[in-house]
Amino acid sequence: MTHVEGAREDALAELEKRARGYFPEHPSSPKRRRLFRHSDGFVLVVDGAWQSYGTRFTVAELLHDNAGL
């Protein structure tokens, strides 16, 4: 998780960069990678020899943080 200052488009650009660079532990020998975009983020689907693994990347707006109180 990370914090991005700026517009929603800036956060989506950073998130896409992270999604493209993410290599999950499974499958260990990936056969295919597909990155999908949807309204609030991305879904990365990595196909292995026997099954597919999905990871969701989502932009969220911080509404409240009580740190420092």
C-alpha atoms as a PDB file:
ATOM      1  CA  MET A   1       0.000   0.000   0.000  1.00  0.00           C
ATOM      2  CA  THR A   2       1.201   3.487  -0.755  1.00  0.00           C
ATOM      3  CA  HIS A   3      -0.018   7.057  -0.528  1.00  0.00           C
ATOM      4  CA  VAL A   4      -0.136   9.311  -3.604  1.00  0.00           C
ATOM      5  CA  GLU A   5      -0.601  13.071  -3.382  1.00  0.00           C
ATOM      6  CA  GLY A   6      -2.493  14.618  -6.276  1.00  0.00           C
ATOM      7  CA  ALA A   7      -5.435  13.854  -8.504  1.00  0.00           C
ATOM      8  CA  ARG A   8      -7.177  10.515  -8.934  1.00  0.00           C
ATOM      9  CA  GLU A   9      -5.523  10.209 -12.368  1.00  0.00           C
ATOM     10  CA  ASP A  10      -2.111  10.436 -10.667  1.00  0.00           C
ATOM     11  CA  ALA A  11      -3.068   7.635  -8.286  1.00  0.00           C
ATOM     12  CA  LEU A  12      -4.347   5.472 -11.157  1.00  0.00           C
ATOM     13  CA  ALA A  13      -1.115   6.020 -13.108  1.00  0.00           C
ATOM     14  CA  GLU A  14       0.975   4.957 -10.097  1.00  0.00           C
ATOM     15  CA  LEU A  15      -1.291   1.979  -9.500  1.00  0.00           C
ATOM     16  CA  GLU A  16      -0.997   0.840 -13.121  1.00  0.00           C
ATOM     17  CA  LYS A  17       2.798   1.052 -12.870  1.00  0.00           C
ATOM     18  CA  ARG A  18       2.740  -1.113  -9.751  1.00  0.00           C
ATOM     19  CA  ALA A  19       0.281  -3.612 -11.253  1.00  0.00           C
ATOM     20  CA  ARG A  20       2.425  -4.022 -14.382  1.00  0.00           C
ATOM     21  CA  GLY A  21       5.533  -4.598 -12.264  1.00  0.00           C
ATOM     22  CA  TYR A  22       3.931  -7.042  -9.823  1.00  0.00           C
ATOM     23  CA  PHE A  23       5.042 -10.669 -10.099  1.00  0.00           C
ATOM     24  CA  PRO A  24       3.134 -12.891  -7.662  1.00  0.00           C
ATOM     25  CA  GLU A  25       4.674 -15.946  -6.032  1.00  0.00           C
ATOM     26  CA  HIS A  26       2.154 -18.212  -7.787  1.00  0.00           C
ATOM     27  CA  PRO A  27       2.255 -19.531 -10.379  1.00  0.00           C
ATOM     28  CA  SER A  28       5.973 -20.212 -10.288  1.00  0.00           C
ATOM     29  CA  SER A  29       6.093 -20.717 -14.075  1.00  0.00           C
ATOM     30  CA  PRO A  30       3.611 -18.223 -15.538  1.00  0.00           C
ATOM     31  CA  LYS A  31       2.358 -18.910 -19.070  1.00  0.00           C
ATOM     32  CA  ARG A  32       0.340 -15.729 -19.658  1.00  0.00           C
ATOM     33  CA  ARG A  33      -0.263 -12.340 -17.962  1.00  0.00           C
ATOM     34  CA  ARG A  34      -3.348 -10.185 -18.552  1.00  0.00           C
ATOM     35  CA  LEU A  35      -3.938  -6.751 -17.033  1.00  0.00           C
ATOM     36  CA  PHE A  36      -7.518  -5.454 -17.013  1.00  0.00           C
ATOM     37  CA  ARG A  37      -8.601  -1.929 -16.125  1.00  0.00           C
ATOM     38  CA  HIS A  38     -11.890  -1.164 -14.390  1.00  0.00           C
ATOM     39  CA  SER A  39     -13.364   1.949 -12.814  1.00  0.00           C
ATOM     40  CA  ASP A  40     -11.335   1.998  -9.586  1.00  0.00           C
ATOM     41  CA  GLY A  41      -8.229   0.043 -10.514  1.00  0.00           C
ATOM     42  CA  PHE A  42      -6.844  -3.021 -12.222  1.00  0.00           C
ATOM     43  CA  VAL A  43      -7.044  -6.805 -12.166  1.00  0.00           C
ATOM     44  CA  LEU A  44      -3.961  -8.834 -13.026  1.00  0.00           C
ATOM     45  CA  VAL A  45      -4.595 -12.431 -14.096  1.00  0.00           C
ATOM     46  CA  VAL A  46      -1.601 -14.736 -14.363  1.00  0.00           C
ATOM     47  CA  ASP A  47      -2.174 -18.132 -15.951  1.00  0.00           C
ATOM     48  CA  GLY A  48      -0.101 -21.065 -14.810  1.00  0.00           C
ATOM     49  CA  ALA A  49       0.099 -24.592 -16.147  1.00  0.00           C
ATOM     50  CA  TRP A  50      -2.953 -25.749 -14.175  1.00  0.00           C
ATOM     51  CA  GLN A  51      -4.833 -22.695 -12.934  1.00  0.00           C
ATOM     52  CA  SER A  52      -5.076 -18.902 -13.057  1.00  0.00           C
ATOM     53  CA  TYR A  53      -4.333 -16.478 -10.229  1.00  0.00           C
ATOM     54  CA  GLY A  54      -5.929 -13.046  -9.942  1.00  0.00           C
ATOM     55  CA  THR A  55      -4.786  -9.977  -8.036  1.00  0.00           C
ATOM     56  CA  ARG A  56      -6.875  -6.812  -7.680  1.00  0.00           C
ATOM     57  CA  PHE A  57      -5.295  -3.360  -7.430  1.00  0.00           C
ATOM     58  CA  THR A  58      -7.668  -0.640  -6.198  1.00  0.00           C
ATOM     59  CA  VAL A  59      -7.505   3.120  -5.690  1.00  0.00           C
ATOM     60  CA  ALA A  60      -9.059   4.239  -2.418  1.00  0.00           C
ATOM     61  CA  GLU A  61      -9.517   7.743  -1.046  1.00  0.00           C
ATOM     62  CA  LEU A  62      -8.445   8.283   2.560  1.00  0.00           C
ATOM     63  CA  LEU A  63     -11.384   9.828   4.399  1.00  0.00           C
ATOM     64  CA  HIS A  64     -10.132   9.768   7.985  1.00  0.00           C
ATOM     65  CA  ASP A  65      -6.890   9.057   9.846  1.00  0.00           C
ATOM     66  CA  ASN A  66      -6.654   9.396  13.607  1.00  0.00           C
ATOM     67  CA  ALA A  67      -2.852   9.030  13.712  1.00  0.00           C
ATOM     68  CA  GLY A  68      -1.242  11.624  15.928  1.00  0.00           C
ATOM     69  CA  LEU A  69      -4.236  12.101  18.223  1.00  0.00           C
END
